[in-house]
C-alpha atoms as a PDB file:
ATOM      1  CA  UNK A   1       0.000   0.000   0.000  1.00  0.00           C
ATOM      2  CA  UNK A   2       1.357   3.408  -0.960  1.00  0.00           C
ATOM      3  CA  UNK A   3       1.586   6.244   1.537  1.00  0.00           C
ATOM      4  CA  UNK A   4      -1.004   8.210  -0.424  1.00  0.00           C
ATOM      5  CA  UNK A   5      -3.494   5.349  -0.459  1.00  0.00           C
ATOM      6  CA  UNK A   6      -3.051   4.769   3.275  1.00  0.00           C
ATOM      7  CA  UNK A   7      -3.485   8.481   4.001  1.00  0.00           C
ATOM      8  CA  UNK A   8      -6.686   8.714   1.983  1.00  0.00           C
ATOM      9  CA  UNK A   9      -8.137   5.552   3.519  1.00  0.00           C
ATOM     10  CA  UNK A  10      -7.569   7.156   6.926  1.00  0.00           C
ATOM     11  CA  UNK A  11      -9.666  10.133   5.809  1.00  0.00           C
ATOM     12  CA  UNK A  12     -12.713   8.041   4.898  1.00  0.00           C
ATOM     13  CA  UNK A  13     -12.518   5.749   7.951  1.00  0.00           C
ATOM     14  CA  UNK A  14     -11.047   5.531  11.442  1.00  0.00           C
ATOM     15  CA  UNK A  15      -8.668   2.747  12.461  1.00  0.00           C
ATOM     16  CA  UNK A  16      -9.883   0.523   9.610  1.00  0.00           C
ATOM     17  CA  UNK A  17     -13.532   0.930  10.556  1.00  0.00           C
ATOM     18  CA  UNK A  18     -15.995   2.918   8.506  1.00  0.00           C
ATOM     19  CA  UNK A  19     -19.209   4.867   8.955  1.00  0.00           C
ATOM     20  CA  UNK A  20     -19.993   6.112   5.453  1.00  0.00           C
ATOM     21  CA  UNK A  21     -23.207   7.979   4.661  1.00  0.00           C
ATOM     22  CA  UNK A  22     -24.014   7.767   0.935  1.00  0.00           C
ATOM     23  CA  UNK A  23     -26.212  10.577  -0.338  1.00  0.00           C
ATOM     24  CA  UNK A  24     -26.058   9.961  -4.076  1.00  0.00           C
ATOM     25  CA  UNK A  25     -29.755   9.007  -4.127  1.00  0.00           C
ATOM     26  CA  UNK A  26     -30.800  12.286  -5.728  1.00  0.00           C
ATOM     27  CA  UNK A  27     -29.819  11.027  -9.170  1.00  0.00           C
ATOM     28  CA  UNK A  28     -31.765   7.801  -8.592  1.00  0.00           C
ATOM     29  CA  UNK A  29     -34.830   9.007  -6.697  1.00  0.00           C
ATOM     30  CA  UNK A  30     -34.835  12.779  -7.042  1.00  0.00           C
ATOM     31  CA  UNK A  31     -34.641  15.376  -4.261  1.00  0.00           C
ATOM     32  CA  UNK A  32     -36.172  13.169  -1.560  1.00  0.00           C
ATOM     33  CA  UNK A  33     -36.408  13.917   2.155  1.00  0.00           C
ATOM     34  CA  UNK A  34     -32.968  14.589   3.602  1.00  0.00           C
ATOM     35  CA  UNK A  35     -31.450  15.651   0.295  1.00  0.00           C
ATOM     36  CA  UNK A  36     -33.288  18.899  -0.429  1.00  0.00           C
ATOM     37  CA  UNK A  37     -31.130  20.757   2.081  1.00  0.00           C
ATOM     38  CA  UNK A  38     -28.216  18.369   1.697  1.00  0.00           C
ATOM     39  CA  UNK A  39     -25.852  20.881   3.283  1.00  0.00           C
ATOM     40  CA  UNK A  40     -27.711  20.662   6.597  1.00  0.00           C
ATOM     41  CA  UNK A  41     -27.842  16.859   6.398  1.00  0.00           C
ATOM     42  CA  UNK A  42     -24.100  16.575   5.741  1.00  0.00           C
ATOM     43  CA  UNK A  43     -23.406  18.904   8.649  1.00  0.00           C
ATOM     44  CA  UNK A  44     -25.640  16.805  10.924  1.00  0.00           C
ATOM     45  CA  UNK A  45     -24.260  13.367  10.061  1.00  0.00           C
ATOM     46  CA  UNK A  46     -20.645  14.464  10.262  1.00  0.00           C
ATOM     47  CA  UNK A  47     -21.271  16.119  13.628  1.00  0.00           C
ATOM     48  CA  UNK A  48     -22.794  12.787  14.633  1.00  0.00           C
ATOM     49  CA  UNK A  49     -19.614  10.902  13.839  1.00  0.00           C
ATOM     50  CA  UNK A  50     -19.774   9.846  10.193  1.00  0.00           C
ATOM     51  CA  UNK A  51     -16.268   9.168   8.917  1.00  0.00           C
ATOM     52  CA  UNK A  52     -17.190  10.160   5.379  1.00  0.00           C
ATOM     53  CA  UNK A  53     -20.052  11.051   3.068  1.00  0.00           C
ATOM     54  CA  UNK A  54     -20.611  10.053  -0.541  1.00  0.00           C
ATOM     55  CA  UNK A  55     -22.283  11.903  -3.423  1.00  0.00           C
ATOM     56  CA  UNK A  56     -22.162  12.260  -7.176  1.00  0.00           C
ATOM     57  CA  UNK A  57     -19.555  14.731  -8.443  1.00  0.00           C
ATOM     58  CA  UNK A  58     -22.003  17.543  -9.207  1.00  0.00           C
ATOM     59  CA  UNK A  59     -22.974  17.876  -5.552  1.00  0.00           C
ATOM     60  CA  UNK A  60     -19.357  18.495  -4.460  1.00  0.00           C
ATOM     61  CA  UNK A  61     -19.780  22.287  -4.039  1.00  0.00           C
ATOM     62  CA  UNK A  62     -22.573  21.588  -1.521  1.00  0.00           C
ATOM     63  CA  UNK A  63     -20.449  19.066   0.386  1.00  0.00           C
ATOM     64  CA  UNK A  64     -17.326  21.036   1.144  1.00  0.00           C
ATOM     65  CA  UNK A  65     -17.760  23.438   4.020  1.00  0.00           C
ATOM     66  CA  UNK A  66     -20.145  21.067   5.795  1.00  0.00           C
ATOM     67  CA  UNK A  67     -17.887  18.052   6.398  1.00  0.00           C
ATOM     68  CA  UNK A  68     -16.635  18.959   9.893  1.00  0.00           C
ATOM     69  CA  UNK A  69     -13.364  17.196   9.120  1.00  0.00           C
ATOM     70  CA  UNK A  70     -14.916  14.058   7.621  1.00  0.00           C
ATOM     71  CA  UNK A  71     -13.825  12.472   4.346  1.00  0.00           C
ATOM     72  CA  UNK A  72     -15.495  12.669   0.949  1.00  0.00           C
ATOM     73  CA  UNK A  73     -16.195   9.899  -1.577  1.00  0.00           C
ATOM     74  CA  UNK A  74     -17.399  10.536  -5.136  1.00  0.00           C
ATOM     75  CA  UNK A  75     -19.637   7.867  -6.651  1.00  0.00           C
ATOM     76  CA  UNK A  76     -19.067   7.171 -10.326  1.00  0.00           C
ATOM     77  CA  UNK A  77     -22.075   5.338 -11.717  1.00  0.00           C
ATOM     78  CA  UNK A  78     -25.857   5.501 -11.450  1.00  0.00           C
ATOM     79  CA  UNK A  79     -29.308   4.668 -12.759  1.00  0.00           C
ATOM     80  CA  UNK A  80     -32.788   6.064 -12.059  1.00  0.00           C
ATOM     81  CA  UNK A  81     -36.041   4.541 -10.840  1.00  0.00           C
ATOM     82  CA  UNK A  82     -37.833   5.968 -13.881  1.00  0.00           C
ATOM     83  CA  UNK A  83     -35.402   4.464 -16.369  1.00  0.00           C
ATOM     84  CA  UNK A  84     -35.727   1.069 -18.084  1.00  0.00           C
ATOM     85  CA  UNK A  85     -33.640  -0.932 -15.579  1.00  0.00           C
ATOM     86  CA  UNK A  86     -32.356   0.229 -12.185  1.00  0.00           C
ATOM     87  CA  UNK A  87     -29.719  -2.543 -12.229  1.00  0.00           C
ATOM     88  CA  UNK A  88     -28.143  -1.002 -15.348  1.00  0.00           C
ATOM     89  CA  UNK A  89     -25.671   1.342 -13.643  1.00  0.00           C
ATOM     90  CA  UNK A  90     -23.891   3.621 -16.116  1.00  0.00           C
ATOM     91  CA  UNK A  91     -20.614   5.476 -15.544  1.00  0.00           C
ATOM     92  CA  UNK A  92     -21.122   9.105 -14.489  1.00  0.00           C
ATOM     93  CA  UNK A  93     -17.549  10.321 -14.064  1.00  0.00           C
ATOM     94  CA  UNK A  94     -13.842   9.557 -13.960  1.00  0.00           C
ATOM     95  CA  UNK A  95     -11.099   9.463 -11.373  1.00  0.00           C
ATOM     96  CA  UNK A  96      -9.933  12.872 -12.576  1.00  0.00           C
ATOM     97  CA  UNK A  97     -13.458  14.235 -12.161  1.00  0.00           C
ATOM     98  CA  UNK A  98     -13.457  12.947  -8.578  1.00  0.00           C
ATOM     99  CA  UNK A  99     -10.072  14.483  -7.824  1.00  0.00           C
ATOM    100  CA  UNK A 100     -11.236  17.821  -9.226  1.00  0.00           C
ATOM    101  CA  UNK A 101     -14.280  17.516  -6.948  1.00  0.00           C
ATOM    102  CA  UNK A 102     -12.007  17.128  -3.913  1.00  0.00           C
ATOM    103  CA  UNK A 103     -12.604  13.416  -3.323  1.00  0.00           C
ATOM    104  CA  UNK A 104     -10.595  11.292  -0.898  1.00  0.00           C
ATOM    105  CA  UNK A 105     -11.922   8.102  -2.552  1.00  0.00           C
ATOM    106  CA  UNK A 106     -14.213   6.903  -5.325  1.00  0.00           C
ATOM    107  CA  UNK A 107     -16.928   4.255  -5.486  1.00  0.00           C
ATOM    108  CA  UNK A 108     -18.758   2.145  -8.051  1.00  0.00           C
ATOM    109  CA  UNK A 109     -21.908  -0.012  -7.838  1.00  0.00           C
ATOM    110  CA  UNK A 110     -21.858  -3.503  -9.387  1.00  0.00           C
ATOM    111  CA  UNK A 111     -24.731  -6.000  -9.509  1.00  0.00           C
ATOM    112  CA  UNK A 112     -23.025  -9.392  -9.488  1.00  0.00           C
ATOM    113  CA  UNK A 113     -25.323 -11.883 -11.191  1.00  0.00           C
ATOM    114  CA  UNK A 114     -27.309  -9.329 -13.185  1.00  0.00           C
ATOM    115  CA  UNK A 115     -27.512  -9.106 -16.953  1.00  0.00           C
ATOM    116  CA  UNK A 116     -25.311  -6.012 -16.685  1.00  0.00           C
ATOM    117  CA  UNK A 117     -22.518  -7.687 -14.721  1.00  0.00           C
ATOM    118  CA  UNK A 118     -20.091  -8.057 -17.697  1.00  0.00           C
ATOM    119  CA  UNK A 119     -20.040  -4.334 -18.473  1.00  0.00           C
ATOM    120  CA  UNK A 120     -19.926  -3.369 -14.794  1.00  0.00           C
ATOM    121  CA  UNK A 121     -16.996  -5.755 -14.323  1.00  0.00           C
ATOM    122  CA  UNK A 122     -15.126  -3.898 -17.049  1.00  0.00           C
ATOM    123  CA  UNK A 123     -16.058  -0.562 -15.490  1.00  0.00           C
ATOM    124  CA  UNK A 124     -14.691  -1.577 -12.076  1.00  0.00           C
ATOM    125  CA  UNK A 125     -11.497  -3.005 -13.561  1.00  0.00           C
ATOM    126  CA  UNK A 126     -10.865   0.233 -15.451  1.00  0.00           C
ATOM    127  CA  UNK A 127     -11.644   2.341 -12.384  1.00  0.00           C
ATOM    128  CA  UNK A 128      -9.295   0.481 -10.030  1.00  0.00           C
ATOM    129  CA  UNK A 129      -6.471   0.681 -12.563  1.00  0.00           C
ATOM    130  CA  UNK A 130      -6.926   4.426 -13.018  1.00  0.00           C
ATOM    131  CA  UNK A 131      -7.383   5.068  -9.301  1.00  0.00           C
ATOM    132  CA  UNK A 132      -4.167   3.197  -8.506  1.00  0.00           C
ATOM    133  CA  UNK A 133      -2.223   5.735 -10.579  1.00  0.00           C
ATOM    134  CA  UNK A 134      -3.297   8.423  -8.094  1.00  0.00           C
ATOM    135  CA  UNK A 135      -3.286   6.421  -4.857  1.00  0.00           C
ATOM    136  CA  UNK A 136      -7.055   6.914  -4.652  1.00  0.00           C
ATOM    137  CA  UNK A 137      -9.033   4.262  -2.714  1.00  0.00           C
ATOM    138  CA  UNK A 138     -11.926   2.460  -4.406  1.00  0.00           C
ATOM    139  CA  UNK A 139     -15.081   1.436  -2.553  1.00  0.00           C
ATOM    140  CA  UNK A 140     -16.730  -1.339  -4.585  1.00  0.00           C
ATOM    141  CA  UNK A 141     -20.453  -1.706  -3.902  1.00  0.00           C
ATOM    142  CA  UNK A 142     -20.733  -5.334  -4.971  1.00  0.00           C
ATOM    143  CA  UNK A 143     -24.269  -6.607  -4.520  1.00  0.00           C
ATOM    144  CA  UNK A 144     -25.551 -10.120  -5.246  1.00  0.00           C
ATOM    145  CA  UNK A 145     -28.389  -9.072  -7.500  1.00  0.00           C
ATOM    146  CA  UNK A 146     -29.945 -10.540 -10.614  1.00  0.00           C
ATOM    147  CA  UNK A 147     -32.296 -13.222 -11.977  1.00  0.00           C
ATOM    148  CA  UNK A 148     -32.514 -16.129  -9.545  1.00  0.00           C
ATOM    149  CA  UNK A 149     -30.057 -14.538  -7.079  1.00  0.00           C
ATOM    150  CA  UNK A 150     -30.891 -14.357  -3.368  1.00  0.00           C
ATOM    151  CA  UNK A 151     -29.642 -10.895  -2.403  1.00  0.00           C
ATOM    152  CA  UNK A 152     -29.011 -11.941   1.210  1.00  0.00           C
ATOM    153  CA  UNK A 153     -27.519 -15.400   0.658  1.00  0.00           C
ATOM    154  CA  UNK A 154     -24.110 -15.605   2.340  1.00  0.00           C
ATOM    155  CA  UNK A 155     -22.506 -17.620  -0.472  1.00  0.00           C
ATOM    156  CA  UNK A 156     -23.721 -15.163  -3.095  1.00  0.00           C
ATOM    157  CA  UNK A 157     -22.602 -12.201  -0.992  1.00  0.00           C
ATOM    158  CA  UNK A 158     -19.226 -13.825  -0.393  1.00  0.00           C
ATOM    159  CA  UNK A 159     -18.811 -14.233  -4.143  1.00  0.00           C
ATOM    160  CA  UNK A 160     -19.735 -10.579  -4.643  1.00  0.00           C
ATOM    161  CA  UNK A 161     -17.211  -9.491  -2.007  1.00  0.00           C
ATOM    162  CA  UNK A 162     -14.438 -11.566  -3.556  1.00  0.00           C
ATOM    163  CA  UNK A 163     -15.387 -10.159  -6.978  1.00  0.00           C
ATOM    164  CA  UNK A 164     -14.468  -6.704  -5.709  1.00  0.00           C
ATOM    165  CA  UNK A 165     -11.128  -7.799  -4.276  1.00  0.00           C
ATOM    166  CA  UNK A 166     -10.190  -9.708  -7.423  1.00  0.00           C
ATOM    167  CA  UNK A 167     -10.725  -6.538  -9.459  1.00  0.00           C
ATOM    168  CA  UNK A 168      -8.554  -4.356  -7.209  1.00  0.00           C
ATOM    169  CA  UNK A 169     -10.951  -2.552  -4.854  1.00  0.00           C
ATOM    170  CA  UNK A 170      -9.881  -1.396  -1.376  1.00  0.00           C
ATOM    171  CA  UNK A 171     -13.197  -1.568   0.530  1.00  0.00           C
ATOM    172  CA  UNK A 172     -16.257  -3.721  -0.147  1.00  0.00           C
ATOM    173  CA  UNK A 173     -19.863  -2.742   0.459  1.00  0.00           C
ATOM    174  CA  UNK A 174     -22.567  -5.389   0.250  1.00  0.00           C
ATOM    175  CA  UNK A 175     -25.834  -6.443   1.853  1.00  0.00           C
ATOM    176  CA  UNK A 176     -26.103  -8.005   5.302  1.00  0.00           C
ATOM    177  CA  UNK A 177     -26.883 -11.718   5.279  1.00  0.00           C
ATOM    178  CA  UNK A 178     -29.082 -11.508   8.362  1.00  0.00           C
ATOM    179  CA  UNK A 179     -27.004 -12.950  11.192  1.00  0.00           C
ATOM    180  CA  UNK A 180     -23.372 -12.895  12.403  1.00  0.00           C
ATOM    181  CA  UNK A 181     -22.611 -16.541  11.638  1.00  0.00           C
ATOM    182  CA  UNK A 182     -23.645 -16.361   7.998  1.00  0.00           C
ATOM    183  CA  UNK A 183     -22.031 -12.945   7.575  1.00  0.00           C
ATOM    184  CA  UNK A 184     -18.737 -14.423   8.719  1.00  0.00           C
ATOM    185  CA  UNK A 185     -18.839 -16.480   5.514  1.00  0.00           C
ATOM    186  CA  UNK A 186     -18.992 -13.187   3.614  1.00  0.00           C
ATOM    187  CA  UNK A 187     -16.109 -11.534   5.454  1.00  0.00           C
ATOM    188  CA  UNK A 188     -13.985 -14.683   5.191  1.00  0.00           C
ATOM    189  CA  UNK A 189     -14.288 -14.494   1.411  1.00  0.00           C
ATOM    190  CA  UNK A 190     -11.976 -11.477   1.210  1.00  0.00           C
ATOM    191  CA  UNK A 191      -9.113  -9.843   3.068  1.00  0.00           C
ATOM    192  CA  UNK A 192     -10.631  -6.433   2.383  1.00  0.00           C
ATOM    193  CA  UNK A 193     -12.782  -4.561   4.925  1.00  0.00           C
ATOM    194  CA  UNK A 194     -16.475  -5.285   4.329  1.00  0.00           C
ATOM    195  CA  UNK A 195     -19.168  -2.735   5.197  1.00  0.00           C
ATOM    196  CA  UNK A 196     -22.907  -3.316   5.001  1.00  0.00           C
ATOM    197  CA  UNK A 197     -25.643  -1.397   3.264  1.00  0.00           C
ATOM    198  CA  UNK A 198     -28.485  -0.012   5.352  1.00  0.00           C
ATOM    199  CA  UNK A 199     -31.407  -1.699   3.647  1.00  0.00           C
ATOM    200  CA  UNK A 200     -34.949  -0.958   4.800  1.00  0.00           C
ATOM    201  CA  UNK A 201     -35.267  -2.080   8.448  1.00  0.00           C
ATOM    202  CA  UNK A 202     -38.415  -1.797  10.513  1.00  0.00           C
ATOM    203  CA  UNK A 203     -36.967   0.369  13.287  1.00  0.00           C
ATOM    204  CA  UNK A 204     -33.876   2.078  14.676  1.00  0.00           C
ATOM    205  CA  UNK A 205     -33.316  -0.935  16.917  1.00  0.00           C
ATOM    206  CA  UNK A 206     -33.400  -3.356  13.986  1.00  0.00           C
ATOM    207  CA  UNK A 207     -30.953  -1.128  12.101  1.00  0.00           C
ATOM    208  CA  UNK A 208     -28.529  -1.097  15.008  1.00  0.00           C
ATOM    209  CA  UNK A 209     -28.915  -4.832  15.594  1.00  0.00           C
ATOM    210  CA  UNK A 210     -27.969  -5.434  11.973  1.00  0.00           C
ATOM    211  CA  UNK A 211     -24.881  -3.262  12.402  1.00  0.00           C
ATOM    212  CA  UNK A 212     -23.973  -5.108  15.613  1.00  0.00           C
ATOM    213  CA  UNK A 213     -24.447  -8.459  13.874  1.00  0.00           C
ATOM    214  CA  UNK A 214     -22.281  -7.430  10.946  1.00  0.00           C
ATOM    215  CA  UNK A 215     -19.503  -6.285  13.264  1.00  0.00           C
ATOM    216  CA  UNK A 216     -19.724  -9.547  15.221  1.00  0.00           C
ATOM    217  CA  UNK A 217     -19.426 -11.393  11.907  1.00  0.00           C
ATOM    218  CA  UNK A 218     -16.145  -9.666  11.062  1.00  0.00           C
ATOM    219  CA  UNK A 219     -17.502  -6.581   9.332  1.00  0.00           C
ATOM    220  CA  UNK A 220     -15.720  -3.241   9.240  1.00  0.00           C
ATOM    221  CA  UNK A 221     -18.685  -0.892   9.450  1.00  0.00           C
ATOM    222  CA  UNK A 222     -21.495   0.504   7.354  1.00  0.00           C
ATOM    223  CA  UNK A 223     -22.300   2.476   4.250  1.00  0.00           C
ATOM    224  CA  UNK A 224     -25.794   3.477   5.305  1.00  0.00           C
ATOM    225  CA  UNK A 225     -27.856   5.977   3.350  1.00  0.00           C
ATOM    226  CA  UNK A 226     -31.608   6.470   3.752  1.00  0.00           C
ATOM    227  CA  UNK A 227     -31.660   4.897   7.215  1.00  0.00           C
ATOM    228  CA  UNK A 228     -29.515   7.837   8.309  1.00  0.00           C
ATOM    229  CA  UNK A 229     -30.197  10.814   6.034  1.00  0.00           C
ATOM    230  CA  UNK A 230     -33.994  10.372   6.104  1.00  0.00           C
ATOM    231  CA  UNK A 231     -34.107   9.864   9.867  1.00  0.00           C
ATOM    232  CA  UNK A 232     -35.967  12.447  11.957  1.00  0.00           C
ATOM    233  CA  UNK A 233     -32.659  13.098  13.754  1.00  0.00           C
ATOM    234  CA  UNK A 234     -29.779  12.278  11.380  1.00  0.00           C
ATOM    235  CA  UNK A 235     -27.154  13.426  13.878  1.00  0.00           C
ATOM    236  CA  UNK A 236     -28.458  11.176  16.649  1.00  0.00           C
ATOM    237  CA  UNK A 237     -28.820   8.037  14.528  1.00  0.00           C
ATOM    238  CA  UNK A 238     -25.320   8.588  13.126  1.00  0.00           C
ATOM    239  CA  UNK A 239     -24.019   8.904  16.660  1.00  0.00           C
ATOM    240  CA  UNK A 240     -25.678   5.581  17.549  1.00  0.00           C
ATOM    241  CA  UNK A 241     -24.313   3.782  14.482  1.00  0.00           C
ATOM    242  CA  UNK A 242     -20.853   5.174  15.157  1.00  0.00           C
ATOM    243  CA  UNK A 243     -20.975   3.896  18.740  1.00  0.00           C
ATOM    244  CA  UNK A 244     -21.611   0.350  17.506  1.00  0.00           C
ATOM    245  CA  UNK A 245     -18.940   0.521  14.795  1.00  0.00           C
ATOM    246  CA  UNK A 246     -16.216   2.409  16.625  1.00  0.00           C
ATOM    247  CA  UNK A 247     -16.910   1.773  20.311  1.00  0.00           C
ATOM    248  CA  UNK A 248     -18.283  -1.806  20.087  1.00  0.00           C
ATOM    249  CA  UNK A 249     -21.496  -0.744  21.806  1.00  0.00           C
ATOM    250  CA  UNK A 250     -24.570  -2.962  21.729  1.00  0.00           C
ATOM    251  CA  UNK A 251     -27.607  -1.717  19.825  1.00  0.00           C
ATOM    252  CA  UNK A 252     -29.729  -0.790  22.823  1.00  0.00           C
ATOM    253  CA  UNK A 253     -26.961   1.090  24.635  1.00  0.00           C
ATOM    254  CA  UNK A 254     -25.997   2.976  21.493  1.00  0.00           C
ATOM    255  CA  UNK A 255     -29.562   4.190  20.977  1.00  0.00           C
ATOM    256  CA  UNK A 256     -29.965   5.272  24.578  1.00  0.00           C
ATOM    257  CA  UNK A 257     -26.663   7.144  24.612  1.00  0.00           C
ATOM    258  CA  UNK A 258     -27.707   8.942  21.422  1.00  0.00           C
ATOM    259  CA  UNK A 259     -30.989   9.982  23.009  1.00  0.00           C
ATOM    260  CA  UNK A 260     -33.148   7.770  20.812  1.00  0.00           C
ATOM    261  CA  UNK A 261     -35.989   5.528  21.951  1.00  0.00           C
ATOM    262  CA  UNK A 262     -35.415   1.788  22.202  1.00  0.00           C
ATOM    263  CA  UNK A 263     -38.587   0.313  20.707  1.00  0.00           C
ATOM    264  CA  UNK A 264     -38.787  -3.393  21.502  1.00  0.00           C
END
């Protein structure tokens, strides 16, 4: 690992653990709750302990000035919910675009098992090669997603995680398999840090229990979007997630310390 790569990884995480808040959903969903005044949301989640935030390159001017010392990741592909196929992620920028936007790292979404996997494989391979020239870390969002694929199956998720390592990524994001024992199969599939997506849990407690389970299964943190930025108190929920990831707190204690209700 080069000195530059190590330095930039330390900006988007803390001691090899990561609380990333992706807010690139505006291109996919539009200006939904939490993203209209994205400046205020970024300020809140970074005050709450997020290590880094993630957006598309065009939002960069609204990111800087609100980071409170956190890192910045630029996401480089996308699709929309009104387009023909949300799994068909198309490239939206380059490594140089991300550097011009002030990024500490870049990310790319890949649906392993989808009809679009071959092209997305090429996109990730090209991105990691280009990023390596600049010592820029790559977060590969490798989901098990496609016809006949169980998106939460540990074997499928382990394959997706290894896919990202084989192509040169530095951090893997994927779905949570549902329990620590099965998630250990995912984390054992790669030597890279694995962070989980937020998904759509029923409650704050279920969200935090998933984070706790992922950490107990060898995970390195979260890349959690709507669960955080659409929360009624984004700062508090970020503080709770950070306590589980960085302080090894249990879900209930983390919620209480953040001032949030524990709904059993």
